[in-house]
Amino acid sequence: MLDWLHSTIPLWKALHIVALSVWCGALIALPMMLSRHDPAVAPGDYRIIRQASHLTYTVVVTPAGVIAVVAGTCLIFLRQTFEPWLFAKLALVAALVMLHAWIGHGLDRVGETPGTHRPPNPYLPGSGVLICAAAILALVLGKPDLGWIGIPEWLRTPRQGHWPFDVPSR
């Protein structure tokens, strides 16, 4: 009935990939920016670094993360992908969201307590993001058979509920 919806799948994929690339790249770069929050930096330079890192987080990182999650969710339902590897990917996306929140918390602490709060070593959150991104990429490209994990049938099979529109199948 709505073939146009099926034809938008490549656009959703492109949007998802671009947003995910920006999100992960910024989550790697932002801890490096946070490491520049040094009490020894001159107040004028500290203000510039603080504004740049805050603007990056609020205007680039968070919207890219939201767009990546929304586009990915749309793809799940458009493609009707309910495979075990997808649930493993979603667990890794949840880890990315936690890293996102941790980096944001560190940014908030640096802004509220200038000179007293030291951000974590930038390699720790950056490594976490790299590991999650690499594992997500491996799962998406490899689509391994993870049926041995024992995911309940009700999670692996669409419930045949009625949508207000026809959802194209693969």
Protein backbone atom coordinates (compact mmCIF):
# COMPACT_ATOMS: atom_id res chain seq x y z
CA MET A 1 0.00 0.00 0.00
CA LEU A 2 2.67 2.53 0.97
CA ASP A 3 5.58 1.62 -1.28
CA TRP A 4 7.04 5.06 -0.73
CA LEU A 5 7.80 4.08 2.87
CA HIS A 6 9.84 1.11 1.69
CA SER A 7 11.72 3.36 -0.71
CA THR A 8 12.87 5.61 2.18
CA ILE A 9 14.94 2.84 3.81
CA PRO A 10 18.19 3.92 2.08
CA LEU A 11 17.61 7.48 3.30
CA TRP A 12 17.06 6.29 6.88
CA LYS A 13 20.24 4.18 6.63
CA ALA A 14 22.27 7.11 5.32
CA LEU A 15 20.92 9.39 8.05
CA HIS A 16 21.67 6.73 10.69
CA ILE A 17 25.24 6.18 9.48
CA VAL A 18 26.04 9.89 9.22
CA ALA A 19 24.54 10.69 12.63
CA LEU A 20 26.30 7.72 14.23
CA SER A 21 29.63 8.76 12.69
CA VAL A 22 29.25 12.32 13.98
CA TRP A 23 28.08 11.10 17.40
CA CYS A 24 30.93 8.62 17.90
CA GLY A 25 33.56 10.98 16.47
CA ALA A 26 32.42 13.79 18.75
CA LEU A 27 32.31 11.45 21.76
CA ILE A 28 35.96 10.67 21.05
CA ALA A 29 36.94 14.32 20.54
CA LEU A 30 35.01 15.79 23.47
CA PRO A 31 37.08 14.11 26.22
CA MET A 32 40.15 15.57 24.53
CA MET A 33 38.50 18.99 24.75
CA LEU A 34 37.65 18.34 28.40
CA SER A 35 41.29 17.55 29.13
CA ARG A 36 42.11 21.14 28.14
CA HIS A 37 40.13 22.42 31.18
CA ASP A 38 43.19 23.11 33.26
CA PRO A 39 43.18 25.52 36.21
CA ALA A 40 46.56 26.83 35.03
CA VAL A 41 44.99 28.15 31.80
CA ALA A 42 44.35 31.89 31.72
CA PRO A 43 40.72 32.83 32.57
CA GLY A 44 40.04 34.18 29.05
CA ASP A 45 41.33 31.00 27.42
CA TYR A 46 39.45 28.88 29.96
CA ARG A 47 36.20 30.64 29.01
CA ILE A 48 36.80 29.98 25.30
CA ILE A 49 37.58 26.30 25.93
CA ARG A 50 34.53 25.98 28.21
CA GLN A 51 32.18 27.59 25.67
CA ALA A 52 33.55 25.50 22.78
CA SER A 53 33.18 22.23 24.67
CA HIS A 54 29.69 23.13 25.93
CA LEU A 55 28.57 24.21 22.45
CA THR A 56 29.99 21.03 20.92
CA TYR A 57 28.11 18.89 23.43
CA THR A 58 24.77 20.67 23.15
CA VAL A 59 24.72 21.51 19.43
CA VAL A 60 26.64 18.60 17.86
CA VAL A 61 26.97 15.57 20.11
CA THR A 62 23.53 15.33 21.68
CA PRO A 63 21.49 16.03 18.51
CA ALA A 64 23.63 13.56 16.55
CA GLY A 65 23.02 10.91 19.21
CA VAL A 66 19.28 11.52 19.19
CA ILE A 67 19.13 11.41 15.37
CA ALA A 68 21.19 8.20 15.29
CA VAL A 69 18.89 6.49 17.79
CA VAL A 70 15.68 7.68 16.11
CA ALA A 71 16.85 6.71 12.61
CA GLY A 72 18.06 3.33 13.89
CA THR A 73 14.74 2.69 15.61
CA CYS A 74 12.88 3.52 12.40
CA LEU A 75 15.11 1.09 10.52
CA ILE A 76 14.39 -1.69 13.00
CA PHE A 77 10.68 -1.46 12.33
CA LEU A 78 10.91 -0.70 8.61
CA ARG A 79 13.17 -3.71 8.00
CA GLN A 80 11.51 -5.83 10.69
CA THR A 81 14.88 -6.87 12.01
CA PHE A 82 14.38 -8.79 15.22
CA GLU A 83 17.57 -10.84 15.32
CA PRO A 84 19.76 -11.66 18.34
CA TRP A 85 22.69 -9.64 16.94
CA LEU A 86 20.43 -6.57 16.93
CA PHE A 87 19.76 -6.92 20.66
CA ALA A 88 23.50 -7.14 21.27
CA LYS A 89 23.91 -3.98 19.18
CA LEU A 90 21.22 -2.24 21.23
CA ALA A 91 23.09 -3.15 24.43
CA LEU A 92 26.21 -1.53 22.98
CA VAL A 93 24.19 1.54 21.96
CA ALA A 94 23.00 1.74 25.58
CA ALA A 95 26.67 1.70 26.62
CA LEU A 96 27.32 4.58 24.19
CA VAL A 97 24.44 6.50 25.76
CA MET A 98 25.97 5.94 29.21
CA LEU A 99 29.35 7.17 27.96
CA HIS A 100 27.57 10.17 26.45
CA ALA A 101 25.99 10.95 29.82
CA TRP A 102 29.30 10.44 31.67
CA ILE A 103 31.11 12.85 29.34
CA GLY A 104 28.25 15.35 29.71
CA HIS A 105 28.43 15.04 33.49
CA GLY A 106 32.16 15.70 33.37
CA LEU A 107 31.54 18.74 31.20
CA ASP A 108 28.90 20.00 33.62
CA ARG A 109 31.20 19.50 36.63
CA VAL A 110 34.04 21.39 34.94
CA GLY A 111 31.68 24.28 34.20
CA GLU A 112 30.18 24.43 37.69
CA THR A 113 33.42 24.05 39.62
CA PRO A 114 36.16 25.68 37.53
CA GLY A 115 39.61 24.98 38.81
CA THR A 116 38.58 22.35 41.35
CA HIS A 117 37.21 19.49 39.24
CA ARG A 118 39.64 17.50 37.16
CA PRO A 119 38.10 15.64 34.20
CA PRO A 120 39.00 11.98 33.78
CA ASN A 121 41.85 10.90 31.59
CA PRO A 122 40.54 11.42 28.02
CA TYR A 123 41.74 7.99 26.97
CA LEU A 124 39.30 6.21 29.27
CA PRO A 125 36.01 7.49 27.76
CA GLY A 126 37.58 7.66 24.29
CA SER A 127 38.60 4.00 24.52
CA GLY A 128 35.10 3.05 25.68
CA VAL A 129 33.56 4.81 22.69
CA LEU A 130 36.05 3.19 20.30
CA ILE A 131 35.38 -0.28 21.71
CA CYS A 132 31.59 0.17 21.53
CA ALA A 133 31.74 1.62 18.01
CA ALA A 134 34.01 -1.17 16.75
CA ALA A 135 31.82 -3.85 18.32
CA ILE A 136 28.67 -2.28 16.84
CA LEU A 137 30.33 -2.17 13.44
CA ALA A 138 31.38 -5.81 13.74
CA LEU A 139 27.85 -6.86 14.71
CA VAL A 140 26.16 -4.88 11.93
CA LEU A 141 28.54 -5.99 9.20
CA GLY A 142 28.97 -9.58 10.37
CA LYS A 143 25.43 -10.25 11.59
CA PRO A 144 26.66 -13.25 13.61
CA ASP A 145 24.29 -16.01 14.65
CA LEU A 146 23.75 -15.37 18.34
CA GLY A 147 20.80 -17.73 18.69
CA TRP A 148 22.61 -19.60 21.46
CA ILE A 149 22.09 -16.62 23.80
CA GLY A 150 18.50 -17.67 24.47
CA ILE A 151 16.48 -14.59 23.66
CA PRO A 152 12.76 -15.20 24.31
CA GLU A 153 10.57 -15.86 21.30
CA TRP A 154 8.35 -12.85 21.99
CA LEU A 155 11.39 -10.58 21.47
CA ARG A 156 12.46 -12.25 18.23
CA THR A 157 9.07 -12.32 16.51
CA PRO A 158 6.90 -9.36 15.59
CA ARG A 159 3.62 -9.49 17.47
CA GLN A 160 1.51 -8.84 14.34
CA GLY A 161 -0.02 -5.75 15.87
CA HIS A 162 -1.90 -3.35 13.65
CA TRP A 163 -0.06 -0.26 12.48
CA PRO A 164 -1.87 2.77 11.12
CA PHE A 165 -0.02 2.09 7.85
CA ASP A 166 1.48 -0.88 6.03
CA VAL A 167 5.08 -1.58 7.00
CA PRO A 168 7.08 -3.08 4.12
CA SER A 169 8.80 -6.37 4.76
CA ARG A 170 12.27 -7.23 3.57
